[in-house]
Amino acid sequence: MTEKEKNTLSRAALRRLREKEERRGAILRAAMALFAAEGYNQAGMERIADEAEVSTGTLYFNFRNKEDILVHLMDEIAYEIRTLIGKEFRAAENPRDGIRRSGIAFIMEFCRKHPEKIAILYRESVGKSNLVESHREKMHRQLIADLQSAVEQLRDAKGYRFRSDLSPEIIAACIGGMYERIAYQFIIWQ
């Protein structure tokens, strides 16, 4: 709902909308905590509802099933990662520093501070279903595209010449692979 649409609602309607968003947020937070601590397969819908302090009916009103919750969490987490590393890249004085800052932010600001999100994205979402795998692939492709753009900006700024047109994509995939391996290390350390 846009801000313009929200401005046309009554105060009571705005309160109901806010309460709905709060319930949805509580469900997602409860599911994230359970998926990260106990595992996706062990967390049942009834337990998620109980932890979120909502009825099972409210849970199913907001999400079709547990897989739907996982996909929403993955999308939110992927967006948060891309926003963080993009912000760091843009804040840098040059593309080389941007790539370095983005990597440090991924480790220090994301992995260290949000191990539960890392567990959802890199452990609990693996091999669940075609829908979940397609979301993992989409997330990975978006991250690689962001990194590839950063590599291309670095190439252009420094006047680098690559032997192949595929080099920026390959370098980006390698950086993305490093992010993933670092994330796995944080999962293991937890």
N, C-alpha and C. Protein backbone atom coordinates (compact mmCIF):
# COMPACT_ATOMS: atom_id res chain seq x y z
N MET A 1 0.85 -1.17 0.00
CA MET A 1 0.00 0.00 0.00
C MET A 1 0.90 1.24 0.00
N THR A 2 0.60 2.17 -0.88
CA THR A 2 1.40 3.38 -1.00
C THR A 2 1.05 4.36 0.11
N GLU A 3 1.93 5.34 0.31
CA GLU A 3 1.67 6.38 1.31
C GLU A 3 0.40 7.16 0.96
N LYS A 4 0.20 7.40 -0.32
CA LYS A 4 -1.00 8.13 -0.75
C LYS A 4 -2.26 7.36 -0.37
N GLU A 5 -2.24 6.05 -0.59
CA GLU A 5 -3.40 5.22 -0.23
C GLU A 5 -3.60 5.20 1.28
N LYS A 6 -2.49 5.14 2.04
CA LYS A 6 -2.59 5.15 3.49
C LYS A 6 -3.19 6.46 4.00
N ASN A 7 -2.88 7.56 3.33
CA ASN A 7 -3.39 8.86 3.76
C ASN A 7 -4.89 8.99 3.59
N THR A 8 -5.49 8.14 2.78
CA THR A 8 -6.94 8.20 2.57
C THR A 8 -7.71 7.34 3.57
N LEU A 9 -7.02 6.55 4.37
CA LEU A 9 -7.67 5.65 5.32
C LEU A 9 -8.03 6.38 6.61
N SER A 10 -9.07 5.88 7.25
CA SER A 10 -9.45 6.42 8.56
C SER A 10 -8.42 5.99 9.60
N ARG A 11 -8.45 6.62 10.73
CA ARG A 11 -7.51 6.25 11.81
C ARG A 11 -7.72 4.80 12.24
N ALA A 12 -8.97 4.37 12.28
CA ALA A 12 -9.27 2.98 12.67
C ALA A 12 -8.70 2.00 11.63
N ALA A 13 -8.85 2.34 10.37
CA ALA A 13 -8.31 1.48 9.31
C ALA A 13 -6.79 1.45 9.37
N LEU A 14 -6.18 2.58 9.66
CA LEU A 14 -4.72 2.62 9.81
C LEU A 14 -4.26 1.76 10.98
N ARG A 15 -5.01 1.80 12.09
CA ARG A 15 -4.68 0.97 13.25
C ARG A 15 -4.76 -0.50 12.88
N ARG A 16 -5.83 -0.90 12.17
CA ARG A 16 -5.99 -2.31 11.76
C ARG A 16 -4.85 -2.73 10.84
N LEU A 17 -4.48 -1.85 9.93
CA LEU A 17 -3.37 -2.14 9.02
C LEU A 17 -2.06 -2.30 9.79
N ARG A 18 -1.82 -1.41 10.73
CA ARG A 18 -0.62 -1.48 11.56
C ARG A 18 -0.59 -2.77 12.38
N GLU A 19 -1.73 -3.14 12.96
CA GLU A 19 -1.81 -4.37 13.75
C GLU A 19 -1.57 -5.60 12.87
N LYS A 20 -2.10 -5.57 11.65
CA LYS A 20 -1.87 -6.68 10.72
C LYS A 20 -0.38 -6.81 10.40
N GLU A 21 0.27 -5.68 10.14
CA GLU A 21 1.70 -5.70 9.84
C GLU A 21 2.50 -6.18 11.05
N GLU A 22 2.08 -5.78 12.25
CA GLU A 22 2.76 -6.22 13.47
C GLU A 22 2.61 -7.73 13.67
N ARG A 23 1.41 -8.27 13.41
CA ARG A 23 1.20 -9.73 13.53
C ARG A 23 2.07 -10.48 12.53
N ARG A 24 2.09 -9.98 11.31
CA ARG A 24 2.90 -10.61 10.25
C ARG A 24 4.38 -10.58 10.65
N GLY A 25 4.83 -9.45 11.17
CA GLY A 25 6.21 -9.34 11.64
C GLY A 25 6.51 -10.30 12.78
N ALA A 26 5.56 -10.44 13.70
CA ALA A 26 5.74 -11.36 14.84
C ALA A 26 5.85 -12.80 14.34
N ILE A 27 5.04 -13.14 13.35
CA ILE A 27 5.10 -14.50 12.78
C ILE A 27 6.46 -14.74 12.14
N LEU A 28 6.92 -13.80 11.35
CA LEU A 28 8.22 -13.96 10.68
C LEU A 28 9.36 -14.03 11.69
N ARG A 29 9.32 -13.21 12.73
CA ARG A 29 10.37 -13.26 13.76
C ARG A 29 10.36 -14.60 14.49
N ALA A 30 9.17 -15.08 14.83
CA ALA A 30 9.06 -16.36 15.53
C ALA A 30 9.57 -17.50 14.64
N ALA A 31 9.18 -17.48 13.38
CA ALA A 31 9.63 -18.52 12.46
C ALA A 31 11.13 -18.47 12.28
N MET A 32 11.69 -17.28 12.15
CA MET A 32 13.13 -17.16 11.99
C MET A 32 13.85 -17.74 13.20
N ALA A 33 13.40 -17.40 14.38
CA ALA A 33 14.04 -17.91 15.59
C ALA A 33 13.95 -19.44 15.65
N LEU A 34 12.78 -19.99 15.35
CA LEU A 34 12.61 -21.45 15.40
C LEU A 34 13.41 -22.15 14.30
N PHE A 35 13.35 -21.63 13.07
CA PHE A 35 14.09 -22.25 11.97
C PHE A 35 15.58 -22.25 12.28
N ALA A 36 16.09 -21.15 12.81
CA ALA A 36 17.53 -21.04 13.09
C ALA A 36 17.94 -21.92 14.26
N ALA A 37 17.11 -21.98 15.30
CA ALA A 37 17.48 -22.72 16.50
C ALA A 37 17.22 -24.22 16.39
N GLU A 38 16.06 -24.58 15.84
CA GLU A 38 15.65 -25.98 15.83
C GLU A 38 15.68 -26.61 14.45
N GLY A 39 15.71 -25.79 13.42
CA GLY A 39 15.68 -26.29 12.05
C GLY A 39 14.30 -26.17 11.44
N TYR A 40 14.30 -25.93 10.15
CA TYR A 40 13.06 -25.76 9.40
C TYR A 40 12.16 -26.99 9.54
N ASN A 41 12.72 -28.18 9.39
CA ASN A 41 11.92 -29.40 9.41
C ASN A 41 11.28 -29.65 10.77
N GLN A 42 11.91 -29.22 11.84
CA GLN A 42 11.38 -29.47 13.19
C GLN A 42 10.34 -28.43 13.62
N ALA A 43 10.35 -27.27 13.00
CA ALA A 43 9.44 -26.20 13.42
C ALA A 43 8.08 -26.38 12.75
N GLY A 44 7.06 -26.62 13.56
CA GLY A 44 5.71 -26.79 13.03
C GLY A 44 4.94 -25.48 13.03
N MET A 45 3.90 -25.44 12.22
CA MET A 45 3.09 -24.23 12.11
C MET A 45 2.44 -23.87 13.46
N GLU A 46 2.00 -24.86 14.20
CA GLU A 46 1.37 -24.59 15.49
C GLU A 46 2.37 -23.95 16.45
N ARG A 47 3.60 -24.43 16.42
CA ARG A 47 4.64 -23.88 17.29
C ARG A 47 4.99 -22.46 16.88
N ILE A 48 5.05 -22.20 15.58
CA ILE A 48 5.31 -20.85 15.10
C ILE A 48 4.20 -19.91 15.58
N ALA A 49 2.96 -20.34 15.43
CA ALA A 49 1.83 -19.52 15.88
C ALA A 49 1.92 -19.25 17.37
N ASP A 50 2.24 -20.27 18.14
CA ASP A 50 2.35 -20.11 19.59
C ASP A 50 3.46 -19.11 19.95
N GLU A 51 4.62 -19.26 19.33
CA GLU A 51 5.73 -18.35 19.61
C GLU A 51 5.41 -16.92 19.18
N ALA A 52 4.64 -16.77 18.12
CA ALA A 52 4.25 -15.44 17.62
C ALA A 52 3.07 -14.87 18.40
N GLU A 53 2.47 -15.70 19.26
CA GLU A 53 1.32 -15.31 20.06
C GLU A 53 0.12 -14.93 19.18
N VAL A 54 -0.08 -15.75 18.15
CA VAL A 54 -1.24 -15.60 17.28
C VAL A 54 -1.92 -16.96 17.16
N SER A 55 -3.13 -16.96 16.68
CA SER A 55 -3.82 -18.23 16.47
C SER A 55 -3.27 -18.90 15.21
N THR A 56 -3.47 -20.20 15.11
CA THR A 56 -3.06 -20.92 13.91
C THR A 56 -3.81 -20.39 12.70
N GLY A 57 -5.06 -20.02 12.88
CA GLY A 57 -5.85 -19.44 11.78
C GLY A 57 -5.24 -18.14 11.28
N THR A 58 -4.78 -17.31 12.21
CA THR A 58 -4.12 -16.05 11.82
C THR A 58 -2.85 -16.35 11.05
N LEU A 59 -2.14 -17.36 11.48
CA LEU A 59 -0.90 -17.75 10.78
C LEU A 59 -1.22 -18.15 9.34
N TYR A 60 -2.23 -18.99 9.17
CA TYR A 60 -2.61 -19.44 7.82
C TYR A 60 -3.28 -18.33 7.01
N PHE A 61 -3.85 -17.34 7.67
CA PHE A 61 -4.41 -16.20 6.95
C PHE A 61 -3.28 -15.39 6.30
N ASN A 62 -2.15 -15.33 6.99
CA ASN A 62 -1.01 -14.54 6.50
C ASN A 62 -0.08 -15.31 5.59
N PHE A 63 0.04 -16.62 5.77
CA PHE A 63 0.97 -17.44 4.99
C PHE A 63 0.30 -18.76 4.63
N ARG A 64 0.49 -19.19 3.39
CA ARG A 64 -0.13 -20.44 2.93
C ARG A 64 0.37 -21.66 3.70
N ASN A 65 1.69 -21.67 3.96
CA ASN A 65 2.30 -22.83 4.63
C ASN A 65 3.69 -22.42 5.12
N LYS A 66 4.39 -23.36 5.68
CA LYS A 66 5.72 -23.10 6.24
C LYS A 66 6.70 -22.70 5.14
N GLU A 67 6.56 -23.30 3.99
CA GLU A 67 7.43 -22.96 2.86
C GLU A 67 7.24 -21.49 2.47
N ASP A 68 6.02 -21.01 2.49
CA ASP A 68 5.73 -19.61 2.18
C ASP A 68 6.44 -18.69 3.18
N ILE A 69 6.44 -19.06 4.44
CA ILE A 69 7.15 -18.28 5.46
C ILE A 69 8.65 -18.26 5.16
N LEU A 70 9.20 -19.42 4.85
CA LEU A 70 10.63 -19.51 4.55
C LEU A 70 11.00 -18.63 3.36
N VAL A 71 10.19 -18.66 2.32
CA VAL A 71 10.46 -17.84 1.13
C VAL A 71 10.43 -16.35 1.48
N HIS A 72 9.45 -15.95 2.29
CA HIS A 72 9.39 -14.54 2.71
C HIS A 72 10.64 -14.16 3.51
N LEU A 73 11.06 -15.03 4.41
CA LEU A 73 12.26 -14.76 5.18
C LEU A 73 13.49 -14.65 4.27
N MET A 74 13.62 -15.58 3.34
CA MET A 74 14.75 -15.55 2.42
C MET A 74 14.78 -14.25 1.64
N ASP A 75 13.63 -13.84 1.13
CA ASP A 75 13.56 -12.60 0.35
C ASP A 75 13.96 -11.39 1.20
N GLU A 76 13.47 -11.33 2.42
CA GLU A 76 13.81 -10.22 3.31
C GLU A 76 15.30 -10.20 3.63
N ILE A 77 15.85 -11.35 3.92
CA ILE A 77 17.27 -11.44 4.27
C ILE A 77 18.14 -11.09 3.08
N ALA A 78 17.80 -11.61 1.91
CA ALA A 78 18.58 -11.30 0.71
C ALA A 78 18.53 -9.81 0.41
N TYR A 79 17.36 -9.20 0.56
CA TYR A 79 17.24 -7.77 0.34
C TYR A 79 18.12 -6.99 1.33
N GLU A 80 18.11 -7.43 2.58
CA GLU A 80 18.91 -6.78 3.61
C GLU A 80 20.41 -6.87 3.29
N ILE A 81 20.86 -8.02 2.83
CA ILE A 81 22.27 -8.19 2.47
C ILE A 81 22.62 -7.28 1.29
N ARG A 82 21.82 -7.32 0.25
CA ARG A 82 22.09 -6.51 -0.94
C ARG A 82 22.07 -5.02 -0.60
N THR A 83 21.16 -4.60 0.26
CA THR A 83 21.10 -3.20 0.66
C THR A 83 22.36 -2.81 1.42
N LEU A 84 22.78 -3.66 2.35
CA LEU A 84 23.98 -3.38 3.16
C LEU A 84 25.22 -3.28 2.28
N ILE A 85 25.46 -4.27 1.44
CA ILE A 85 26.70 -4.23 0.66
C ILE A 85 26.63 -3.14 -0.41
N GLY A 86 25.45 -2.86 -0.93
CA GLY A 86 25.29 -1.76 -1.89
C GLY A 86 25.58 -0.42 -1.26
N LYS A 87 25.08 -0.23 -0.05
CA LYS A 87 25.32 1.03 0.68
C LYS A 87 26.82 1.22 0.91
N GLU A 88 27.48 0.17 1.32
CA GLU A 88 28.92 0.26 1.57
C GLU A 88 29.69 0.53 0.28
N PHE A 89 29.27 -0.10 -0.80
CA PHE A 89 29.96 0.12 -2.07
C PHE A 89 29.80 1.58 -2.51
N ARG A 90 28.60 2.10 -2.41
CA ARG A 90 28.35 3.48 -2.84
C ARG A 90 29.03 4.50 -1.94
N ALA A 91 29.26 4.16 -0.68
CA ALA A 91 29.88 5.10 0.27
C ALA A 91 31.40 5.19 0.08
N ALA A 92 31.95 4.28 -0.67
CA ALA A 92 33.41 4.25 -0.84
C ALA A 92 33.87 5.31 -1.83
N GLU A 93 35.13 5.66 -1.71
CA GLU A 93 35.72 6.66 -2.60
C GLU A 93 35.98 6.12 -4.00
N ASN A 94 36.19 4.82 -4.10
CA ASN A 94 36.48 4.22 -5.40
C ASN A 94 35.95 2.78 -5.41
N PRO A 95 35.80 2.18 -6.59
CA PRO A 95 35.25 0.82 -6.68
C PRO A 95 36.05 -0.23 -5.91
N ARG A 96 37.38 -0.12 -5.92
CA ARG A 96 38.21 -1.10 -5.19
C ARG A 96 37.89 -1.06 -3.70
N ASP A 97 37.84 0.16 -3.15
CA ASP A 97 37.50 0.32 -1.74
C ASP A 97 36.06 -0.13 -1.49
N GLY A 98 35.19 0.10 -2.46
CA GLY A 98 33.79 -0.32 -2.32
C GLY A 98 33.65 -1.83 -2.20
N ILE A 99 34.40 -2.56 -3.02
CA ILE A 99 34.36 -4.03 -2.94
C ILE A 99 34.88 -4.49 -1.58
N ARG A 100 35.97 -3.88 -1.13
CA ARG A 100 36.55 -4.23 0.18
C ARG A 100 35.57 -3.92 1.30
N ARG A 101 35.00 -2.72 1.28
CA ARG A 101 34.04 -2.32 2.32
C ARG A 101 32.80 -3.22 2.34
N SER A 102 32.35 -3.60 1.16
CA SER A 102 31.17 -4.47 1.06
C SER A 102 31.43 -5.82 1.71
N GLY A 103 32.61 -6.38 1.44
CA GLY A 103 32.97 -7.67 2.04
C GLY A 103 33.08 -7.59 3.55
N ILE A 104 33.72 -6.54 4.03
CA ILE A 104 33.85 -6.35 5.48
C ILE A 104 32.48 -6.17 6.12
N ALA A 105 31.60 -5.41 5.48
CA ALA A 105 30.25 -5.21 6.02
C ALA A 105 29.48 -6.52 6.07
N PHE A 106 29.64 -7.35 5.03
CA PHE A 106 28.95 -8.64 5.03
C PHE A 106 29.38 -9.46 6.24
N ILE A 107 30.68 -9.47 6.52
CA ILE A 107 31.19 -10.26 7.65
C ILE A 107 30.83 -9.62 8.99
N MET A 108 31.22 -8.37 9.15
CA MET A 108 31.10 -7.72 10.46
C MET A 108 29.69 -7.26 10.81
N GLU A 109 29.00 -6.73 9.82
CA GLU A 109 27.67 -6.18 10.09
C GLU A 109 26.54 -7.19 9.89
N PHE A 110 26.80 -8.20 9.09
CA PHE A 110 25.72 -9.15 8.84
C PHE A 110 25.98 -10.49 9.52
N CYS A 111 27.04 -11.16 9.12
CA CYS A 111 27.29 -12.51 9.66
C CYS A 111 27.43 -12.50 11.18
N ARG A 112 28.23 -11.60 11.70
CA ARG A 112 28.48 -11.58 13.14
C ARG A 112 27.25 -11.16 13.94
N LYS A 113 26.47 -10.24 13.39
CA LYS A 113 25.33 -9.70 14.14
C LYS A 113 24.03 -10.47 13.91
N HIS A 114 23.98 -11.25 12.83
CA HIS A 114 22.73 -11.93 12.50
C HIS A 114 22.96 -13.40 12.13
N PRO A 115 23.51 -14.20 13.04
CA PRO A 115 23.74 -15.61 12.70
C PRO A 115 22.46 -16.36 12.38
N GLU A 116 21.34 -15.93 12.97
CA GLU A 116 20.07 -16.61 12.69
C GLU A 116 19.65 -16.39 11.22
N LYS A 117 19.92 -15.22 10.69
CA LYS A 117 19.59 -14.95 9.29
C LYS A 117 20.51 -15.73 8.36
N ILE A 118 21.76 -15.84 8.73
CA ILE A 118 22.71 -16.64 7.95
C ILE A 118 22.26 -18.10 7.94
N ALA A 119 21.83 -18.59 9.10
CA ALA A 119 21.35 -19.98 9.18
C ALA A 119 20.15 -20.21 8.27
N ILE A 120 19.23 -19.26 8.23
CA ILE A 120 18.05 -19.39 7.37
C ILE A 120 18.47 -19.44 5.91
N LEU A 121 19.30 -18.51 5.51
CA LEU A 121 19.66 -18.35 4.10
C LEU A 121 20.58 -19.44 3.59
N TYR A 122 21.53 -19.85 4.41
CA TYR A 122 22.57 -20.76 3.92
C TYR A 122 22.46 -22.18 4.46
N ARG A 123 21.62 -22.43 5.44
CA ARG A 123 21.47 -23.79 5.95
C ARG A 123 20.05 -24.29 5.80
N GLU A 124 19.09 -23.57 6.32
CA GLU A 124 17.72 -24.08 6.38
C GLU A 124 16.98 -24.02 5.06
N SER A 125 17.45 -23.24 4.11
CA SER A 125 16.74 -23.14 2.83
C SER A 125 17.29 -24.09 1.77
N VAL A 126 18.31 -24.83 2.10
CA VAL A 126 18.95 -25.71 1.11
C VAL A 126 18.12 -26.98 0.91
N GLY A 127 17.82 -27.27 -0.36
CA GLY A 127 17.18 -28.52 -0.73
C GLY A 127 15.77 -28.73 -0.23
N LYS A 128 15.01 -27.68 -0.03
CA LYS A 128 13.66 -27.83 0.53
C LYS A 128 12.61 -28.14 -0.52
N SER A 129 12.56 -27.37 -1.59
CA SER A 129 11.55 -27.58 -2.63
C SER A 129 11.97 -26.80 -3.87
N ASN A 130 11.27 -27.03 -4.96
CA ASN A 130 11.56 -26.28 -6.18
C ASN A 130 11.34 -24.79 -5.98
N LEU A 131 10.28 -24.42 -5.27
CA LEU A 131 10.00 -23.01 -5.01
C LEU A 131 11.13 -22.36 -4.21
N VAL A 132 11.55 -23.01 -3.15
CA VAL A 132 12.61 -22.47 -2.31
C VAL A 132 13.92 -22.40 -3.11
N GLU A 133 14.21 -23.44 -3.85
CA GLU A 133 15.44 -23.43 -4.65
C GLU A 133 15.41 -22.34 -5.71
N SER A 134 14.25 -22.08 -6.30
CA SER A 134 14.17 -21.00 -7.29
C SER A 134 14.42 -19.65 -6.63
N HIS A 135 13.97 -19.49 -5.38
CA HIS A 135 14.24 -18.25 -4.66
C HIS A 135 15.71 -18.14 -4.29
N ARG A 136 16.32 -19.26 -3.93
CA ARG A 136 17.77 -19.25 -3.65
C ARG A 136 18.54 -18.85 -4.91
N GLU A 137 18.15 -19.42 -6.03
CA GLU A 137 18.83 -19.10 -7.30
C GLU A 137 18.64 -17.63 -7.65
N LYS A 138 17.43 -17.12 -7.49
CA LYS A 138 17.15 -15.71 -7.78
C LYS A 138 18.00 -14.81 -6.89
N MET A 139 18.06 -15.13 -5.60
CA MET A 139 18.85 -14.36 -4.66
C MET A 139 20.32 -14.37 -5.08
N HIS A 140 20.82 -15.53 -5.42
CA HIS A 140 22.22 -15.67 -5.81
C HIS A 140 22.50 -14.87 -7.09
N ARG A 141 21.63 -14.97 -8.06
CA ARG A 141 21.82 -14.23 -9.32
C ARG A 141 21.81 -12.72 -9.09
N GLN A 142 20.93 -12.24 -8.22
CA GLN A 142 20.89 -10.81 -7.93
C GLN A 142 22.18 -10.35 -7.26
N LEU A 143 22.67 -11.13 -6.30
CA LEU A 143 23.90 -10.78 -5.61
C LEU A 143 25.08 -10.78 -6.59
N ILE A 144 25.15 -11.79 -7.44
CA ILE A 144 26.24 -11.87 -8.42
C ILE A 144 26.15 -10.70 -9.39
N ALA A 145 24.95 -10.32 -9.81
CA ALA A 145 24.78 -9.17 -10.71
C ALA A 145 25.27 -7.89 -10.04
N ASP A 146 24.95 -7.73 -8.75
CA ASP A 146 25.45 -6.56 -8.01
C ASP A 146 26.97 -6.56 -7.96
N LEU A 147 27.55 -7.71 -7.64
CA LEU A 147 29.01 -7.82 -7.55
C LEU A 147 29.66 -7.63 -8.92
N GLN A 148 29.03 -8.17 -9.95
CA GLN A 148 29.57 -8.02 -11.30
C GLN A 148 29.60 -6.54 -11.69
N SER A 149 28.57 -5.82 -11.36
CA SER A 149 28.55 -4.39 -11.63
C SER A 149 29.70 -3.68 -10.92
N ALA A 150 29.96 -4.08 -9.67
CA ALA A 150 31.07 -3.49 -8.92
C ALA A 150 32.41 -3.81 -9.59
N VAL A 151 32.59 -5.04 -10.04
CA VAL A 151 33.83 -5.44 -10.72
C VAL A 151 33.98 -4.65 -12.02
N GLU A 152 32.90 -4.48 -12.75
CA GLU A 152 32.96 -3.72 -14.00
C GLU A 152 33.30 -2.25 -13.75
N GLN A 153 32.77 -1.70 -12.66
CA GLN A 153 33.11 -0.32 -12.31
C GLN A 153 34.58 -0.20 -11.95
N LEU A 154 35.10 -1.19 -11.23
CA LEU A 154 36.52 -1.21 -10.89
C LEU A 154 37.37 -1.32 -12.16
N ARG A 155 36.97 -2.22 -13.05
CA ARG A 155 37.69 -2.38 -14.32
C ARG A 155 37.75 -1.05 -15.09
N ASP A 156 36.60 -0.40 -15.18
CA ASP A 156 36.53 0.84 -15.93
C ASP A 156 37.32 1.96 -15.26
N ALA A 157 37.24 2.04 -13.92
CA ALA A 157 37.94 3.10 -13.20
C ALA A 157 39.46 2.95 -13.28
N LYS A 158 39.93 1.72 -13.27
CA LYS A 158 41.37 1.46 -13.28
C LYS A 158 41.92 1.19 -14.68
N GLY A 159 41.03 1.05 -15.65
CA GLY A 159 41.48 0.77 -17.01
C GLY A 159 41.98 -0.66 -17.19
N TYR A 160 41.48 -1.58 -16.34
CA TYR A 160 41.89 -2.99 -16.47
C TYR A 160 41.36 -3.57 -17.77
N ARG A 161 42.09 -4.53 -18.27
CA ARG A 161 41.65 -5.26 -19.45
C ARG A 161 41.61 -6.74 -19.07
N PHE A 162 40.46 -7.36 -19.29
CA PHE A 162 40.32 -8.78 -19.01
C PHE A 162 40.47 -9.57 -20.30
N ARG A 163 40.92 -10.78 -20.18
CA ARG A 163 41.09 -11.63 -21.36
C ARG A 163 39.77 -12.08 -21.94
N SER A 164 38.75 -12.14 -21.11
CA SER A 164 37.45 -12.64 -21.55
C SER A 164 36.35 -11.69 -21.09
N ASP A 165 35.28 -11.62 -21.86
CA ASP A 165 34.11 -10.84 -21.46
C ASP A 165 33.41 -11.47 -20.25
N LEU A 166 33.71 -12.74 -20.00
CA LEU A 166 33.11 -13.43 -18.85
C LEU A 166 33.84 -13.13 -17.54
N SER A 167 35.02 -12.53 -17.61
CA SER A 167 35.83 -12.30 -16.41
C SER A 167 35.09 -11.57 -15.30
N PRO A 168 34.37 -10.46 -15.56
CA PRO A 168 33.67 -9.79 -14.45
C PRO A 168 32.65 -10.71 -13.76
N GLU A 169 31.94 -11.50 -14.56
CA GLU A 169 30.95 -12.42 -13.97
C GLU A 169 31.64 -13.52 -13.16
N ILE A 170 32.75 -14.03 -13.67
CA ILE A 170 33.48 -15.08 -12.95
C ILE A 170 34.05 -14.53 -11.65
N ILE A 171 34.63 -13.35 -11.69
CA ILE A 171 35.16 -12.73 -10.47
C ILE A 171 34.03 -12.50 -9.47
N ALA A 172 32.89 -12.00 -9.96
CA ALA A 172 31.73 -11.77 -9.09
C ALA A 172 31.25 -13.08 -8.46
N ALA A 173 31.21 -14.15 -9.25
CA ALA A 173 30.80 -15.45 -8.72
C ALA A 173 31.78 -15.93 -7.65
N CYS A 174 33.06 -15.66 -7.85
CA CYS A 174 34.06 -16.04 -6.84
C CYS A 174 33.87 -15.26 -5.55
N ILE A 175 33.61 -13.97 -5.67
CA ILE A 175 33.35 -13.15 -4.48
C ILE A 175 32.09 -13.65 -3.77
N GLY A 176 31.03 -13.92 -4.55
CA GLY A 176 29.80 -14.46 -3.98
C GLY A 176 30.04 -15.79 -3.28
N GLY A 177 30.89 -16.62 -3.88
CA GLY A 177 31.26 -17.90 -3.26
C GLY A 177 32.00 -17.70 -1.95
N MET A 178 32.85 -16.69 -1.91
CA MET A 178 33.54 -16.38 -0.65
C MET A 178 32.54 -15.94 0.42
N TYR A 179 31.57 -15.13 0.03
CA TYR A 179 30.53 -14.72 0.98
C TYR A 179 29.84 -15.96 1.56
N GLU A 180 29.49 -16.87 0.68
CA GLU A 180 28.80 -18.08 1.12
C GLU A 180 29.66 -18.91 2.06
N ARG A 181 30.93 -19.09 1.73
CA ARG A 181 31.83 -19.88 2.59
C ARG A 181 32.00 -19.21 3.94
N ILE A 182 32.12 -17.88 3.95
CA ILE A 182 32.22 -17.14 5.21
C ILE A 182 30.95 -17.35 6.03
N ALA A 183 29.81 -17.29 5.37
CA ALA A 183 28.54 -17.51 6.07
C ALA A 183 28.50 -18.90 6.69
N TYR A 184 28.96 -19.92 5.95
CA TYR A 184 28.99 -21.27 6.51
C TYR A 184 29.89 -21.35 7.73
N GLN A 185 31.00 -20.63 7.70
CA GLN A 185 31.87 -20.62 8.88
C GLN A 185 31.14 -20.04 10.09
N PHE A 186 30.35 -18.99 9.89
CA PHE A 186 29.60 -18.42 11.00
C PHE A 186 28.53 -19.38 11.50
N ILE A 187 27.94 -20.15 10.61
CA ILE A 187 26.96 -21.15 11.03
C ILE A 187 27.65 -22.20 11.89
N ILE A 188 28.80 -22.66 11.46
CA ILE A 188 29.54 -23.69 12.21
C ILE A 188 29.96 -23.15 13.57
N TRP A 189 30.45 -21.91 13.61
CA TRP A 189 30.89 -21.34 14.88
C TRP A 189 29.75 -21.20 15.87
N GLN A 190 28.54 -21.06 15.38
CA GLN A 190 27.39 -20.92 16.27
C GLN A 190 27.04 -22.27 16.85
